């Protein structure tokens, strides 16, 4: 049996007629950037994240970048973040001339450990950037309390968590600015690059809106040095068609996760831990096993695709060497990098495929 890590073709086939019709509308109108399709999609998202309001952006990375720009974070500033995440979280901080300061993650949630944040704050700290990794929120109550105490801004990297909640509050809407990615592999994926920012602050929203379009308002009058952060209309079409299905897709992912959890009971595989107060949308279903690399090879031989997110923590990346960071710092992140393995979890996965994946993992674990 073949089990891909993700099957985007299956999702497209189920929505093909609607997506194709919407793309044809854009082709006929030639309103190819922003426009009514993107506005409609923003309004759909607003219904999920209220009282925050959303702005469609060119990519998830650009969403993080424009958030930093809107908060005037730049040269000499520091931004606290976890090292166990995708590279873009730190890259945008470096791009604006600021310094990423890495705080280790919690072993059970994979999210930044709030207990360690205050000791990392200096006179140069400007913001905290928690990441809602793999589809569940970081401990935003504690993070926001620390930020308030030290007069810091908070940017949620909710790239992997649209639709997740913490104590009833939507991911991305619990801070100054929330950022989302619609990279094709996300739970809500575009057919290309796309992202989103959200905020409940009206003044910040207006600044973000102007920055999105070269800092220009009105035409040829530039209030800020902005950028070309606009979403293509084609992506607005695709996301608008997919959005009504997101909740059902996330529920299906949770069903697959529960199935995996049942299969791995009493085994050596450490399954994902859902923090109290959180809903988990399972962008990834990530287990931990000490023999991770051998297990990955074994599953590949059986036709089962898996992923490693992430094999090298950010504080050990070559391009961070100029920061003089200790590679042995953040021991939890270092340990996770050698143990994590993400399994197929997409909505179109069948129960038979989940059983096949689980059975092959259990067979491997019995031999080690």
Protein backbone atom coordinates (compact mmCIF):
# COMPACT_ATOMS: atom_id res chain seq x y z
CA UNK A 1 0.00 0.00 0.00
CA UNK A 2 1.21 3.50 -0.84
CA UNK A 3 0.52 6.25 1.72
CA UNK A 4 1.71 9.73 0.69
CA UNK A 5 2.45 12.34 3.32
CA UNK A 6 -0.13 14.58 1.64
CA UNK A 7 -2.46 14.19 -1.37
CA UNK A 8 -3.32 17.62 -2.76
CA UNK A 9 -4.69 16.15 -5.98
CA UNK A 10 -7.51 14.44 -4.10
CA UNK A 11 -8.55 17.72 -2.49
CA UNK A 12 -8.46 19.56 -5.81
CA UNK A 13 -10.58 16.93 -7.55
CA UNK A 14 -13.31 17.34 -4.93
CA UNK A 15 -13.51 21.12 -5.55
CA UNK A 16 -12.40 21.29 -9.16
CA UNK A 17 -15.59 22.75 -10.66
CA UNK A 18 -15.83 25.61 -8.14
CA UNK A 19 -12.13 26.44 -8.31
CA UNK A 20 -12.00 26.34 -12.09
CA UNK A 21 -15.10 28.56 -12.36
CA UNK A 22 -13.58 31.12 -9.99
CA UNK A 23 -10.28 31.18 -11.85
CA UNK A 24 -12.21 31.71 -15.07
CA UNK A 25 -13.97 34.72 -13.46
CA UNK A 26 -10.60 36.29 -12.71
CA UNK A 27 -9.35 35.60 -16.21
CA UNK A 28 -12.43 37.25 -17.68
CA UNK A 29 -12.28 40.26 -15.35
CA UNK A 30 -8.46 40.60 -15.46
CA UNK A 31 -8.62 41.90 -11.87
CA UNK A 32 -5.60 39.77 -11.01
CA UNK A 33 -4.28 41.40 -7.82
CA UNK A 34 -6.42 41.84 -4.69
CA UNK A 35 -9.91 42.72 -5.99
CA UNK A 36 -13.32 41.26 -5.09
CA UNK A 37 -12.19 37.62 -4.79
CA UNK A 38 -9.59 38.51 -2.18
CA UNK A 39 -11.96 40.85 -0.34
CA UNK A 40 -14.58 38.10 -0.13
CA UNK A 41 -12.01 35.73 1.32
CA UNK A 42 -10.89 38.30 3.92
CA UNK A 43 -14.51 38.68 5.00
CA UNK A 44 -14.81 34.91 5.41
CA UNK A 45 -11.75 34.85 7.68
CA UNK A 46 -13.05 37.81 9.68
CA UNK A 47 -16.01 35.71 10.73
CA UNK A 48 -13.62 33.21 12.30
CA UNK A 49 -11.18 35.57 14.02
CA UNK A 50 -13.41 38.43 15.24
CA UNK A 51 -12.84 40.92 16.78
CA UNK A 52 -9.62 40.86 14.74
CA UNK A 53 -9.74 41.85 11.08
CA UNK A 54 -7.66 40.23 8.38
CA UNK A 55 -5.57 41.36 5.43
CA UNK A 56 -4.60 38.95 2.65
CA UNK A 57 -0.84 38.90 2.09
CA UNK A 58 1.49 37.49 -0.57
CA UNK A 59 2.92 34.72 1.63
CA UNK A 60 3.24 33.55 5.21
CA UNK A 61 6.82 34.81 5.33
CA UNK A 62 5.70 38.21 4.08
CA UNK A 63 2.99 38.21 6.75
CA UNK A 64 5.66 37.91 9.45
CA UNK A 65 7.81 40.52 7.73
CA UNK A 66 5.06 43.12 7.39
CA UNK A 67 4.11 42.55 11.04
CA UNK A 68 7.64 43.48 12.14
CA UNK A 69 7.61 46.50 9.83
CA UNK A 70 4.26 47.69 11.20
CA UNK A 71 5.61 47.51 14.75
CA UNK A 72 8.77 49.43 13.76
CA UNK A 73 11.08 46.59 14.76
CA UNK A 74 14.53 46.99 13.20
CA UNK A 75 18.23 47.49 13.74
CA UNK A 76 19.37 46.87 17.31
CA UNK A 77 16.07 45.36 18.44
CA UNK A 78 15.62 41.82 19.74
CA UNK A 79 12.72 39.44 19.21
CA UNK A 80 12.21 36.40 21.42
CA UNK A 81 11.11 33.20 19.67
CA UNK A 82 11.48 29.40 19.81
CA UNK A 83 14.27 27.69 17.85
CA UNK A 84 12.17 24.63 17.02
CA UNK A 85 10.19 25.96 14.06
CA UNK A 86 10.44 26.77 10.36
CA UNK A 87 13.28 29.08 9.31
CA UNK A 88 11.05 31.98 8.20
CA UNK A 89 10.26 32.91 11.81
CA UNK A 90 13.85 33.94 12.42
CA UNK A 91 14.68 34.97 8.86
CA UNK A 92 12.28 37.90 8.84
CA UNK A 93 13.77 39.22 12.07
CA UNK A 94 17.23 39.17 10.54
CA UNK A 95 15.93 40.80 7.36
CA UNK A 96 14.75 43.90 9.26
CA UNK A 97 18.12 44.14 11.03
CA UNK A 98 16.92 42.83 14.38
CA UNK A 99 18.26 39.87 16.36
CA UNK A 100 16.37 36.64 17.07
CA UNK A 101 16.72 35.50 20.67
CA UNK A 102 15.95 31.83 21.08
CA UNK A 103 14.06 30.44 24.05
CA UNK A 104 13.66 26.68 24.33
CA UNK A 105 10.35 24.88 23.87
CA UNK A 106 8.19 22.70 26.09
CA UNK A 107 8.85 19.02 25.58
CA UNK A 108 5.20 18.03 25.45
CA UNK A 109 3.65 20.83 23.35
CA UNK A 110 6.71 21.72 21.17
CA UNK A 111 5.78 25.40 21.76
CA UNK A 112 7.88 28.11 23.42
CA UNK A 113 8.30 27.62 27.18
CA UNK A 114 6.87 30.71 28.91
CA UNK A 115 8.84 29.93 32.08
CA UNK A 116 12.08 30.73 30.23
CA UNK A 117 11.01 33.95 28.50
CA UNK A 118 11.63 36.57 31.19
CA UNK A 119 15.27 35.59 31.65
CA UNK A 120 15.82 36.29 27.92
CA UNK A 121 14.41 39.84 28.04
CA UNK A 122 16.91 42.69 27.78
CA UNK A 123 16.69 46.44 27.28
CA UNK A 124 16.72 45.76 23.52
CA UNK A 125 13.81 43.32 23.50
CA UNK A 126 10.96 44.68 21.41
CA UNK A 127 8.64 41.70 20.89
CA UNK A 128 7.85 38.06 21.60
CA UNK A 129 7.01 35.85 18.64
CA UNK A 130 5.43 32.58 19.80
CA UNK A 131 4.82 29.89 17.18
CA UNK A 132 1.69 27.72 17.32
CA UNK A 133 3.56 24.67 16.09
CA UNK A 134 1.93 21.77 14.27
CA UNK A 135 -1.59 23.11 14.89
CA UNK A 136 -1.98 23.98 18.56
CA UNK A 137 -1.58 27.29 20.34
CA UNK A 138 1.21 28.31 22.66
CA UNK A 139 0.33 29.41 26.20
CA UNK A 140 -0.83 32.88 25.18
CA UNK A 141 -2.15 33.88 28.59
CA UNK A 142 1.28 33.61 30.18
CA UNK A 143 3.05 35.07 27.14
CA UNK A 144 0.72 38.07 26.99
CA UNK A 145 1.11 38.65 30.73
CA UNK A 146 4.90 38.74 30.38
CA UNK A 147 4.64 41.07 27.39
CA UNK A 148 2.34 43.44 29.25
CA UNK A 149 4.64 43.50 32.28
CA UNK A 150 7.66 44.41 30.13
CA UNK A 151 5.82 46.63 27.59
CA UNK A 152 6.54 44.31 24.68
CA UNK A 153 4.61 43.55 21.52
CA UNK A 154 3.44 40.04 20.65
CA UNK A 155 3.32 38.60 17.13
CA UNK A 156 1.68 35.19 16.81
CA UNK A 157 3.21 32.98 14.16
CA UNK A 158 0.01 31.06 13.48
CA UNK A 159 1.24 29.81 10.10
CA UNK A 160 0.23 26.23 10.97
CA UNK A 161 -2.74 26.89 13.22
CA UNK A 162 -5.64 28.61 11.43
CA UNK A 163 -8.78 27.20 13.01
CA UNK A 164 -7.12 26.20 16.29
CA UNK A 165 -8.30 27.82 19.52
CA UNK A 166 -7.07 28.39 23.05
CA UNK A 167 -9.71 28.74 25.76
CA UNK A 168 -12.17 29.70 23.03
CA UNK A 169 -9.94 32.33 21.41
CA UNK A 170 -8.85 31.82 17.77
CA UNK A 171 -5.20 31.34 16.88
CA UNK A 172 -3.71 34.56 15.57
CA UNK A 173 -6.24 36.80 17.30
CA UNK A 174 -4.73 36.80 20.79
CA UNK A 175 -1.92 39.32 20.24
CA UNK A 176 -0.97 42.57 18.54
CA UNK A 177 -0.67 40.85 15.14
CA UNK A 178 -1.31 37.29 14.04
CA UNK A 179 0.29 35.80 10.92
CA UNK A 180 -0.94 32.86 8.83
CA UNK A 181 0.49 30.91 5.90
CA UNK A 182 -1.55 29.43 3.07
CA UNK A 183 1.34 27.50 1.56
CA UNK A 184 -0.25 24.62 -0.41
CA UNK A 185 0.53 22.03 2.27
CA UNK A 186 -1.26 23.91 5.04
CA UNK A 187 -4.70 22.83 6.34
CA UNK A 188 -6.07 25.69 4.25
CA UNK A 189 -3.73 25.82 1.30
CA UNK A 190 -3.51 28.06 -1.73
CA UNK A 191 -2.28 26.95 -5.15
CA UNK A 192 0.90 28.92 -4.77
CA UNK A 193 2.18 31.40 -2.20
CA UNK A 194 -0.28 33.27 0.04
CA UNK A 195 -0.62 34.44 3.63
CA UNK A 196 -2.59 36.67 5.98
CA UNK A 197 -2.19 39.08 8.88
CA UNK A 198 -4.85 39.91 11.46
CA UNK A 199 -5.21 42.48 14.23
CA UNK A 200 -7.93 43.97 16.41
CA UNK A 201 -6.15 47.35 16.55
CA UNK A 202 -7.77 49.73 14.00
CA UNK A 203 -4.70 51.96 13.67
CA UNK A 204 -2.39 49.00 13.25
CA UNK A 205 -4.76 47.51 10.68
CA UNK A 206 -4.60 50.69 8.60
CA UNK A 207 -0.82 50.76 8.79
CA UNK A 208 -0.64 47.14 7.68
CA UNK A 209 -3.06 47.84 4.84
CA UNK A 210 -0.93 50.71 3.55
CA UNK A 211 2.35 48.83 4.00
CA UNK A 212 0.90 45.95 1.95
CA UNK A 213 0.76 48.18 -1.13
CA UNK A 214 4.18 49.85 -1.19
CA UNK A 215 3.28 52.11 1.74
CA UNK A 216 1.08 54.06 -0.66
CA UNK A 217 -2.17 55.91 0.17
CA UNK A 218 -3.47 57.46 -2.06
CA UNK A 219 -1.79 56.43 -5.29
CA UNK A 220 1.83 57.63 -5.61
CA UNK A 221 1.82 59.13 -2.11
CA UNK A 222 4.04 56.93 0.08
CA UNK A 223 3.70 57.26 3.85
CA UNK A 224 5.94 54.29 4.64
CA UNK A 225 8.60 52.22 2.94
CA UNK A 226 6.27 49.30 2.40
CA UNK A 227 6.44 46.42 0.00
CA UNK A 228 4.58 44.40 -2.60
CA UNK A 229 2.73 42.19 -0.13
CA UNK A 230 -0.54 41.86 -2.06
CA UNK A 231 -2.35 38.57 -2.61
CA UNK A 232 -3.09 37.44 -6.17
CA UNK A 233 -6.77 37.16 -7.04
CA UNK A 234 -6.28 33.54 -8.16
CA UNK A 235 -5.25 32.62 -4.62
CA UNK A 236 -8.25 34.49 -3.25
CA UNK A 237 -10.46 32.30 -5.43
CA UNK A 238 -8.87 29.04 -4.29
CA UNK A 239 -8.89 29.98 -0.62
CA UNK A 240 -12.45 31.29 -0.80
CA UNK A 241 -13.65 27.99 -2.26
CA UNK A 242 -11.74 25.91 0.28
CA UNK A 243 -12.52 27.95 3.40
CA UNK A 244 -16.08 26.61 4.02
CA UNK A 245 -14.57 23.12 4.20
CA UNK A 246 -11.79 23.96 6.66
CA UNK A 247 -13.67 23.06 9.86
CA UNK A 248 -14.70 19.66 8.46
CA UNK A 249 -11.16 19.00 7.21
CA UNK A 250 -9.76 19.85 10.64
CA UNK A 251 -12.26 17.51 12.30
CA UNK A 252 -11.19 14.73 9.95
CA UNK A 253 -7.56 15.33 10.85
CA UNK A 254 -8.51 15.08 14.54
CA UNK A 255 -10.28 11.77 13.85
CA UNK A 256 -7.14 10.39 12.21
CA UNK A 257 -5.08 11.64 15.18
CA UNK A 258 -7.41 9.87 17.62
CA UNK A 259 -7.07 6.69 15.53
CA UNK A 260 -3.28 6.93 15.65
CA UNK A 261 -3.39 7.61 19.40
CA UNK A 262 -5.45 4.46 19.94
CA UNK A 263 -3.07 2.38 17.83
CA UNK A 264 0.02 3.64 19.68
CA UNK A 265 -1.32 3.09 23.21
CA UNK A 266 1.18 1.19 25.33
CA UNK A 267 3.88 1.50 22.66
CA UNK A 268 7.26 3.25 22.70
CA UNK A 269 5.97 5.99 20.39
CA UNK A 270 5.33 9.29 22.19
CA UNK A 271 2.16 10.77 20.69
CA UNK A 272 1.21 14.47 20.48
CA UNK A 273 0.11 16.08 23.73
CA UNK A 274 -2.81 18.51 23.57
CA UNK A 275 -2.48 21.24 26.18
CA UNK A 276 -5.41 21.98 28.46
CA UNK A 277 -7.65 24.64 26.90
CA UNK A 278 -6.42 23.95 23.38
CA UNK A 279 -8.04 22.54 20.30
CA UNK A 280 -5.54 20.95 17.93
CA UNK A 281 -6.00 21.10 14.14
CA UNK A 282 -3.17 18.62 13.46
CA UNK A 283 -1.37 20.39 10.69
CA UNK A 284 1.14 17.70 11.57
CA UNK A 285 0.72 14.52 13.61
CA UNK A 286 4.20 14.20 15.05
CA UNK A 287 5.41 11.28 17.14
CA UNK A 288 8.72 10.92 18.95
CA UNK A 289 10.91 7.84 18.82
CA UNK A 290 14.63 7.54 19.66
CA UNK A 291 15.18 5.39 16.54
CA UNK A 292 13.57 8.02 14.29
CA UNK A 293 15.88 7.73 11.29
CA UNK A 294 15.68 3.93 11.17
CA UNK A 295 11.89 4.10 11.50
CA UNK A 296 11.67 6.61 8.66
CA UNK A 297 13.68 4.30 6.41
CA UNK A 298 11.55 1.32 7.42
CA UNK A 299 8.32 3.16 6.62
CA UNK A 300 9.70 4.37 3.31
CA UNK A 301 10.45 0.76 2.36
CA UNK A 302 6.78 -0.01 3.06
CA UNK A 303 5.53 2.80 0.80
CA UNK A 304 4.73 5.20 3.65
CA UNK A 305 5.93 8.80 3.32
CA UNK A 306 6.90 10.73 6.44
CA UNK A 307 8.44 14.12 7.25
CA UNK A 308 10.96 15.49 9.73
CA UNK A 309 9.94 18.91 11.06
CA UNK A 310 12.55 20.09 12.00
CA UNK A 311 15.93 18.32 11.83
CA UNK A 312 18.10 21.36 12.68
CA UNK A 313 16.93 23.91 15.28
CA UNK A 314 17.33 27.53 14.26
CA UNK A 315 20.08 28.32 16.78
CA UNK A 316 22.26 25.72 15.01
CA UNK A 317 21.64 26.91 11.44
CA UNK A 318 24.80 27.95 9.54
CA UNK A 319 23.48 31.43 8.74
CA UNK A 320 23.05 32.12 12.47
CA UNK A 321 26.75 31.58 13.21
CA UNK A 322 27.45 35.32 13.31
CA UNK A 323 25.25 35.55 16.40
CA UNK A 324 27.73 33.45 18.38
CA UNK A 325 25.07 31.12 19.73
CA UNK A 326 25.82 28.05 21.81
CA UNK A 327 24.81 24.96 19.79
CA UNK A 328 24.17 23.12 23.06
CA UNK A 329 21.69 25.72 24.22
CA UNK A 330 18.00 24.87 24.00
CA UNK A 331 18.48 21.19 24.91
CA UNK A 332 14.81 20.28 24.45
CA UNK A 333 14.81 21.58 20.88
CA UNK A 334 18.06 19.73 20.18
CA UNK A 335 16.58 16.50 21.50
CA UNK A 336 13.31 16.88 19.59
CA UNK A 337 15.20 17.48 16.35
CA UNK A 338 16.58 13.94 16.59
CA UNK A 339 13.32 12.23 17.57
CA UNK A 340 10.34 13.79 15.77
CA UNK A 341 8.62 12.12 12.84
CA UNK A 342 5.46 13.45 11.19
CA UNK A 343 2.98 10.91 9.81
CA UNK A 344 0.33 11.24 7.09
CA UNK A 345 -2.67 13.12 8.55
CA UNK A 346 -4.50 14.78 5.64
CA UNK A 347 -8.34 14.68 5.57
CA UNK A 348 -8.60 12.39 2.54
CA UNK A 349 -6.58 9.68 4.30
CA UNK A 350 -8.55 6.45 4.74
CA UNK A 351 -8.89 4.45 7.95
CA UNK A 352 -7.21 1.56 6.17
CA UNK A 353 -4.20 3.75 5.42
CA UNK A 354 -4.01 4.91 9.05
CA UNK A 355 -4.13 1.26 10.16
CA UNK A 356 -1.38 0.38 7.69
CA UNK A 357 0.87 3.18 8.93
CA UNK A 358 0.22 2.31 12.55
CA UNK A 359 0.76 -1.42 12.08
CA UNK A 360 4.11 -0.90 10.39
CA UNK A 361 5.29 1.45 13.13
CA UNK A 362 4.28 -1.03 15.84
CA UNK A 363 6.03 -3.86 14.03
CA UNK A 364 9.21 -1.78 13.84
CA UNK A 365 9.08 -0.81 17.51
CA UNK A 366 8.84 -4.46 18.55
CA UNK A 367 12.20 -5.12 16.90
CA UNK A 368 14.22 -2.36 18.60
